[in-house]
C-alpha atoms as a PDB file:
ATOM      1  CA  MET A   1     -47.121 -21.428 -98.226  1.00  0.00           C
ATOM      2  CA  ARG A   2     -47.385 -17.665 -97.618  1.00  0.00           C
ATOM      3  CA  VAL A   3     -50.383 -18.137 -95.324  1.00  0.00           C
ATOM      4  CA  THR A   4     -48.436 -20.698 -93.255  1.00  0.00           C
ATOM      5  CA  ARG A   5     -45.506 -18.303 -92.911  1.00  0.00           C
ATOM      6  CA  LEU A   6     -47.824 -15.450 -91.953  1.00  0.00           C
ATOM      7  CA  VAL A   7     -49.587 -17.549 -89.301  1.00  0.00           C
ATOM      8  CA  SER A   8     -46.241 -18.794 -87.924  1.00  0.00           C
ATOM      9  CA  LEU A   9     -44.867 -15.261 -87.755  1.00  0.00           C
ATOM     10  CA  SER A  10     -48.037 -14.033 -86.018  1.00  0.00           C
ATOM     11  CA  LEU A  11     -47.847 -16.800 -83.412  1.00  0.00           C
ATOM     12  CA  LEU A  12     -44.172 -16.058 -82.778  1.00  0.00           C
ATOM     13  CA  LEU A  13     -44.909 -12.355 -82.364  1.00  0.00           C
ATOM     14  CA  ALA A  14     -47.800 -13.091 -79.972  1.00  0.00           C
ATOM     15  CA  ALA A  15     -45.619 -15.444 -77.919  1.00  0.00           C
ATOM     16  CA  CYS A  16     -42.886 -12.804 -77.624  1.00  0.00           C
ATOM     17  CA  ALA A  17     -45.320  -9.997 -76.768  1.00  0.00           C
ATOM     18  CA  ALA A  18     -47.320 -11.906 -74.134  1.00  0.00           C
ATOM     19  CA  PRO A  19     -44.687 -11.600 -71.349  1.00  0.00           C
ATOM     20  CA  LEU A  20     -44.330  -7.864 -72.025  1.00  0.00           C
ATOM     21  CA  TYR A  21     -48.088  -7.363 -71.838  1.00  0.00           C
ATOM     22  CA  ALA A  22     -48.370  -9.442 -68.648  1.00  0.00           C
ATOM     23  CA  GLN A  23     -45.578  -7.428 -67.056  1.00  0.00           C
ATOM     24  CA  HIS A  24     -47.332  -4.087 -67.646  1.00  0.00           C
ATOM     25  CA  ALA A  25     -50.977  -5.187 -67.566  1.00  0.00           C
ATOM     26  CA  PRO A  26     -53.275  -3.351 -65.150  1.00  0.00           C
ATOM     27  CA  ARG A  27     -53.657  -4.947 -61.741  1.00  0.00           C
ATOM     28  CA  PRO A  28     -57.148  -6.357 -61.173  1.00  0.00           C
ATOM     29  CA  ASP A  29     -57.447  -4.720 -57.732  1.00  0.00           C
ATOM     30  CA  SER A  30     -56.208  -1.197 -58.493  1.00  0.00           C
ATOM     31  CA  GLY A  31     -56.282  -0.585 -62.248  1.00  0.00           C
ATOM     32  CA  THR A  32     -52.672   0.622 -62.173  1.00  0.00           C
ATOM     33  CA  PRO A  33     -49.902  -1.048 -64.158  1.00  0.00           C
ATOM     34  CA  ALA A  34     -47.811  -3.623 -62.333  1.00  0.00           C
ATOM     35  CA  PRO A  35     -44.248  -2.548 -61.485  1.00  0.00           C
ATOM     36  CA  PRO A  36     -41.514  -4.013 -63.696  1.00  0.00           C
ATOM     37  CA  ARG A  37     -40.209  -7.392 -62.460  1.00  0.00           C
ATOM     38  CA  ALA A  38     -36.792  -5.934 -61.627  1.00  0.00           C
ATOM     39  CA  GLU A  39     -38.419  -3.548 -59.130  1.00  0.00           C
ATOM     40  CA  ALA A  40     -40.815  -6.165 -57.773  1.00  0.00           C
ATOM     41  CA  SER A  41     -38.216  -8.811 -56.869  1.00  0.00           C
ATOM     42  CA  PRO A  42     -34.527  -8.007 -57.372  1.00  0.00           C
ATOM     43  CA  GLN A  43     -32.130 -10.952 -57.387  1.00  0.00           C
ATOM     44  CA  ALA A  44     -28.897  -9.707 -55.915  1.00  0.00           C
ATOM     45  CA  SER A  45     -27.442 -13.061 -54.899  1.00  0.00           C
ATOM     46  CA  PHE A  46     -27.212 -16.637 -56.075  1.00  0.00           C
ATOM     47  CA  ASP A  47     -30.782 -17.960 -55.986  1.00  0.00           C
ATOM     48  CA  THR A  48     -31.328 -21.729 -55.848  1.00  0.00           C
ATOM     49  CA  THR A  49     -35.079 -21.318 -56.250  1.00  0.00           C
ATOM     50  CA  SER A  50     -35.497 -19.987 -59.761  1.00  0.00           C
ATOM     51  CA  SER A  51     -38.236 -17.467 -60.501  1.00  0.00           C
ATOM     52  CA  THR A  52     -39.434 -19.402 -63.557  1.00  0.00           C
ATOM     53  CA  ASP A  53     -42.911 -20.080 -62.113  1.00  0.00           C
ATOM     54  CA  GLU A  54     -43.681 -16.353 -62.352  1.00  0.00           C
ATOM     55  CA  LYS A  55     -42.984 -16.105 -66.080  1.00  0.00           C
ATOM     56  CA  ASP A  56     -45.102 -17.269 -68.979  1.00  0.00           C
ATOM     57  CA  LEU A  57     -42.327 -17.718 -71.529  1.00  0.00           C
ATOM     58  CA  ILE A  58     -38.671 -18.472 -70.796  1.00  0.00           C
ATOM     59  CA  VAL A  59     -36.043 -18.740 -73.535  1.00  0.00           C
ATOM     60  CA  TRP A  60     -32.446 -19.797 -72.953  1.00  0.00           C
ATOM     61  CA  PHE A  61     -29.296 -20.913 -74.740  1.00  0.00           C
ATOM     62  CA  GLY A  62     -26.955 -23.305 -72.977  1.00  0.00           C
ATOM     63  CA  ALA A  63     -23.647 -25.032 -73.607  1.00  0.00           C
ATOM     64  CA  GLY A  64     -21.811 -27.566 -71.511  1.00  0.00           C
ATOM     65  CA  ALA A  65     -19.124 -30.221 -71.312  1.00  0.00           C
ATOM     66  CA  GLY A  66     -18.616 -33.410 -69.342  1.00  0.00           C
ATOM     67  CA  LEU A  67     -18.073 -37.157 -69.713  1.00  0.00           C
ATOM     68  CA  GLY A  68     -19.916 -40.019 -71.362  1.00  0.00           C
ATOM     69  CA  SER A  69     -19.724 -43.278 -73.279  1.00  0.00           C
ATOM     70  CA  PHE A  70     -20.409 -44.863 -76.666  1.00  0.00           C
ATOM     71  CA  ALA A  71     -19.398 -48.127 -78.353  1.00  0.00           C
ATOM     72  CA  ASP A  72     -18.016 -49.466 -75.056  1.00  0.00           C
ATOM     73  CA  SER A  73     -15.530 -46.633 -74.679  1.00  0.00           C
ATOM     74  CA  GLY A  74     -15.538 -43.524 -72.525  1.00  0.00           C
ATOM     75  CA  GLY A  75     -14.715 -40.031 -73.606  1.00  0.00           C
ATOM     76  CA  VAL A  76     -15.554 -36.364 -73.479  1.00  0.00           C
ATOM     77  CA  SER A  77     -19.107 -35.125 -74.030  1.00  0.00           C
ATOM     78  CA  GLY A  78     -20.421 -31.754 -75.058  1.00  0.00           C
ATOM     79  CA  MET A  79     -23.770 -30.244 -75.874  1.00  0.00           C
ATOM     80  CA  THR A  80     -25.497 -27.022 -76.844  1.00  0.00           C
ATOM     81  CA  GLU A  81     -29.198 -26.277 -76.605  1.00  0.00           C
ATOM     82  CA  LEU A  82     -31.770 -23.636 -77.443  1.00  0.00           C
ATOM     83  CA  SER A  83     -34.902 -24.067 -75.334  1.00  0.00           C
ATOM     84  CA  VAL A  84     -38.286 -22.453 -74.822  1.00  0.00           C
ATOM     85  CA  ARG A  85     -40.449 -23.092 -71.764  1.00  0.00           C
ATOM     86  CA  ALA A  86     -44.117 -22.105 -71.608  1.00  0.00           C
ATOM     87  CA  GLY A  87     -45.673 -23.168 -68.323  1.00  0.00           C
ATOM     88  CA  PRO A  88     -44.731 -26.819 -67.764  1.00  0.00           C
ATOM     89  CA  HIS A  89     -43.972 -27.439 -71.479  1.00  0.00           C
ATOM     90  CA  VAL A  90     -40.407 -27.341 -72.818  1.00  0.00           C
ATOM     91  CA  ILE A  91     -39.293 -27.492 -76.451  1.00  0.00           C
ATOM     92  CA  MET A  92     -35.578 -27.895 -77.101  1.00  0.00           C
ATOM     93  CA  THR A  93     -33.261 -28.109 -80.082  1.00  0.00           C
ATOM     94  CA  ARG A  94     -29.920 -29.601 -79.169  1.00  0.00           C
ATOM     95  CA  TRP A  95     -26.602 -30.768 -80.494  1.00  0.00           C
ATOM     96  CA  ALA A  96     -24.957 -33.439 -78.349  1.00  0.00           C
ATOM     97  CA  SER A  97     -21.631 -35.138 -78.967  1.00  0.00           C
ATOM     98  CA  MET A  98     -19.395 -37.840 -77.528  1.00  0.00           C
ATOM     99  CA  ALA A  99     -15.756 -38.082 -78.531  1.00  0.00           C
ATOM    100  CA  ALA A 100     -12.975 -40.525 -77.815  1.00  0.00           C
ATOM    101  CA  LEU A 101      -9.485 -40.543 -79.302  1.00  0.00           C
ATOM    102  CA  PHE A 102      -9.815 -40.394 -83.146  1.00  0.00           C
ATOM    103  CA  THR A 103     -13.546 -41.186 -83.203  1.00  0.00           C
ATOM    104  CA  GLY A 104     -16.870 -39.732 -82.163  1.00  0.00           C
ATOM    105  CA  VAL A 105     -20.621 -39.706 -82.464  1.00  0.00           C
ATOM    106  CA  SER A 106     -23.086 -36.778 -82.358  1.00  0.00           C
ATOM    107  CA  ASP A 107     -26.746 -36.004 -82.763  1.00  0.00           C
ATOM    108  CA  VAL A 108     -28.957 -33.086 -83.646  1.00  0.00           C
ATOM    109  CA  GLY A 109     -32.380 -33.349 -82.081  1.00  0.00           C
ATOM    110  CA  ILE A 110     -35.720 -31.763 -81.382  1.00  0.00           C
ATOM    111  CA  LEU A 111     -37.165 -32.691 -78.002  1.00  0.00           C
ATOM    112  CA  TYR A 112     -40.355 -32.028 -76.076  1.00  0.00           C
ATOM    113  CA  GLY A 113     -40.809 -32.461 -72.365  1.00  0.00           C
ATOM    114  CA  ARG A 114     -42.326 -31.364 -69.117  1.00  0.00           C
ATOM    115  CA  SER A 115     -40.721 -29.225 -66.468  1.00  0.00           C
ATOM    116  CA  THR A 116     -41.144 -28.258 -62.860  1.00  0.00           C
ATOM    117  CA  ASN A 117     -39.423 -25.187 -61.508  1.00  0.00           C
ATOM    118  CA  ASP A 118     -35.883 -26.540 -61.889  1.00  0.00           C
ATOM    119  CA  LEU A 119     -36.223 -30.107 -63.240  1.00  0.00           C
ATOM    120  CA  ALA A 120     -37.092 -31.228 -66.763  1.00  0.00           C
ATOM    121  CA  ALA A 121     -37.405 -34.516 -68.641  1.00  0.00           C
ATOM    122  CA  LEU A 122     -37.471 -34.447 -72.441  1.00  0.00           C
ATOM    123  CA  ALA A 123     -37.649 -36.937 -75.306  1.00  0.00           C
ATOM    124  CA  GLY A 124     -37.727 -36.566 -79.069  1.00  0.00           C
ATOM    125  CA  ILE A 125     -36.067 -37.511 -82.298  1.00  0.00           C
ATOM    126  CA  GLY A 126     -32.354 -37.105 -82.872  1.00  0.00           C
ATOM    127  CA  LEU A 127     -30.441 -37.654 -86.087  1.00  0.00           C
ATOM    128  CA  ALA A 128     -27.197 -39.347 -85.085  1.00  0.00           C
ATOM    129  CA  TYR A 129     -24.007 -39.413 -87.136  1.00  0.00           C
ATOM    130  CA  GLY A 130     -20.480 -40.584 -86.467  1.00  0.00           C
ATOM    131  CA  LYS A 131     -17.019 -41.423 -87.778  1.00  0.00           C
ATOM    132  CA  PRO A 132     -14.833 -44.465 -87.129  1.00  0.00           C
ATOM    133  CA  ASN A 133     -11.415 -44.684 -85.555  1.00  0.00           C
ATOM    134  CA  PRO A 134      -8.999 -44.934 -88.528  1.00  0.00           C
ATOM    135  CA  PHE A 135      -6.587 -47.044 -86.448  1.00  0.00           C
ATOM    136  CA  ASN A 136      -9.110 -49.670 -85.322  1.00  0.00           C
ATOM    137  CA  SER A 137     -11.157 -51.643 -87.853  1.00  0.00           C
ATOM    138  CA  GLU A 138     -13.511 -52.925 -85.126  1.00  0.00           C
ATOM    139  CA  THR A 139     -15.077 -49.504 -84.428  1.00  0.00           C
ATOM    140  CA  THR A 140     -18.467 -48.590 -85.825  1.00  0.00           C
ATOM    141  CA  ALA A 141     -18.630 -47.654 -89.491  1.00  0.00           C
ATOM    142  CA  VAL A 142     -19.316 -44.148 -90.726  1.00  0.00           C
ATOM    143  CA  PHE A 143     -23.024 -43.460 -90.606  1.00  0.00           C
ATOM    144  CA  SER A 144     -25.124 -40.407 -91.202  1.00  0.00           C
ATOM    145  CA  SER A 145     -28.623 -39.289 -90.335  1.00  0.00           C
ATOM    146  CA  THR A 146     -29.590 -42.389 -88.403  1.00  0.00           C
ATOM    147  CA  PRO A 147     -32.794 -41.568 -86.520  1.00  0.00           C
ATOM    148  CA  GLY A 148     -32.735 -42.315 -82.825  1.00  0.00           C
ATOM    149  CA  LEU A 149     -34.563 -41.635 -79.603  1.00  0.00           C
ATOM    150  CA  ALA A 150     -33.088 -38.474 -78.087  1.00  0.00           C
ATOM    151  CA  LEU A 151     -33.438 -38.198 -74.291  1.00  0.00           C
ATOM    152  CA  GLN A 152     -32.489 -35.450 -71.863  1.00  0.00           C
ATOM    153  CA  LEU A 153     -32.780 -34.869 -68.099  1.00  0.00           C
ATOM    154  CA  ARG A 154     -31.823 -31.530 -66.630  1.00  0.00           C
ATOM    155  CA  TRP A 155     -31.561 -29.823 -63.264  1.00  0.00           C
ATOM    156  CA  ARG A 156     -31.053 -26.077 -63.094  1.00  0.00           C
ATOM    157  CA  ALA A 157     -28.959 -25.573 -59.968  1.00  0.00           C
ATOM    158  CA  GLY A 158     -29.587 -21.834 -59.818  1.00  0.00           C
ATOM    159  CA  THR A 159     -29.503 -18.482 -61.569  1.00  0.00           C
ATOM    160  CA  VAL A 160     -27.651 -15.224 -61.180  1.00  0.00           C
ATOM    161  CA  GLY A 161     -29.364 -12.539 -63.243  1.00  0.00           C
ATOM    162  CA  PRO A 162     -29.501 -13.807 -66.848  1.00  0.00           C
ATOM    163  CA  LEU A 163     -27.059 -16.685 -66.170  1.00  0.00           C
ATOM    164  CA  GLY A 164     -28.168 -20.173 -65.216  1.00  0.00           C
ATOM    165  CA  PHE A 165     -26.176 -23.190 -64.086  1.00  0.00           C
ATOM    166  CA  ALA A 166     -27.398 -26.716 -64.867  1.00  0.00           C
ATOM    167  CA  LEU A 167     -26.451 -30.387 -64.765  1.00  0.00           C
ATOM    168  CA  GLU A 168     -27.690 -32.346 -67.761  1.00  0.00           C
ATOM    169  CA  GLY A 169     -27.817 -35.990 -68.732  1.00  0.00           C
ATOM    170  CA  PHE A 170     -28.429 -36.842 -72.378  1.00  0.00           C
ATOM    171  CA  ALA A 171     -28.568 -39.888 -74.601  1.00  0.00           C
ATOM    172  CA  ASN A 172     -29.340 -41.039 -78.123  1.00  0.00           C
ATOM    173  CA  VAL A 173     -30.558 -44.602 -78.605  1.00  0.00           C
ATOM    174  CA  ASN A 174     -30.158 -45.671 -82.244  1.00  0.00           C
ATOM    175  CA  SER A 175     -29.353 -48.728 -84.356  1.00  0.00           C
ATOM    176  CA  ASN A 176     -25.740 -47.784 -85.199  1.00  0.00           C
ATOM    177  CA  SER A 177     -24.037 -46.381 -82.114  1.00  0.00           C
ATOM    178  CA  SER A 178     -26.056 -45.342 -79.068  1.00  0.00           C
ATOM    179  CA  PHE A 179     -24.367 -42.950 -76.670  1.00  0.00           C
ATOM    180  CA  TRP A 180     -24.915 -41.072 -73.421  1.00  0.00           C
ATOM    181  CA  GLY A 181     -23.247 -38.268 -71.548  1.00  0.00           C
ATOM    182  CA  VAL A 182     -23.479 -35.901 -68.610  1.00  0.00           C
ATOM    183  CA  ALA A 183     -22.531 -32.247 -68.759  1.00  0.00           C
ATOM    184  CA  ALA A 184     -22.312 -29.180 -66.551  1.00  0.00           C
ATOM    185  CA  SER A 185     -23.704 -26.307 -68.554  1.00  0.00           C
ATOM    186  CA  LEU A 186     -23.831 -22.524 -68.454  1.00  0.00           C
ATOM    187  CA  GLU A 187     -27.066 -20.943 -69.701  1.00  0.00           C
ATOM    188  CA  LEU A 188     -28.026 -17.468 -70.840  1.00  0.00           C
ATOM    189  CA  GLY A 189     -31.719 -16.580 -70.732  1.00  0.00           C
ATOM    190  CA  ASN A 190     -34.572 -14.576 -69.251  1.00  0.00           C
ATOM    191  CA  PHE A 191     -34.846 -16.512 -65.986  1.00  0.00           C
END
């Protein structure tokens, strides 16, 4: 167990240090360190073409709200995410929720996907849970930890410094109460 923790901690440290090393590594043509990214390409205005292709590791936290549906009723959706992108690979942990009057359904999931500069498609496992409407006996029963297929599509519309703006579509397909939603989200990361 200690060896596994030590290896995990070492990999995490290496992943965090790699972008710093790449930023200050000697240039192959001159042998001098590369200038910091802020000096090389300042972003003073809203940029619709994100600079994510230049970076090896991108980490961001996002939260958003929107609309969606579950159990044949519409309502308000919300989601939060913590994501890491390395090259075209994205790993995300998310909490997504759909709520209607007096009832709701949510999931907590771990997703993996592929990404281009601003688009990503992810899939994984989500543990869905929900509560019934106390005033309607025909709504779905209380359930907890029902595994489902968690899906997410995202488009990052642009970045301004450490802030990103995205549109996200998410869903959880499960045996008790599948749901979907769309959300506009605000992100904070090293874009």
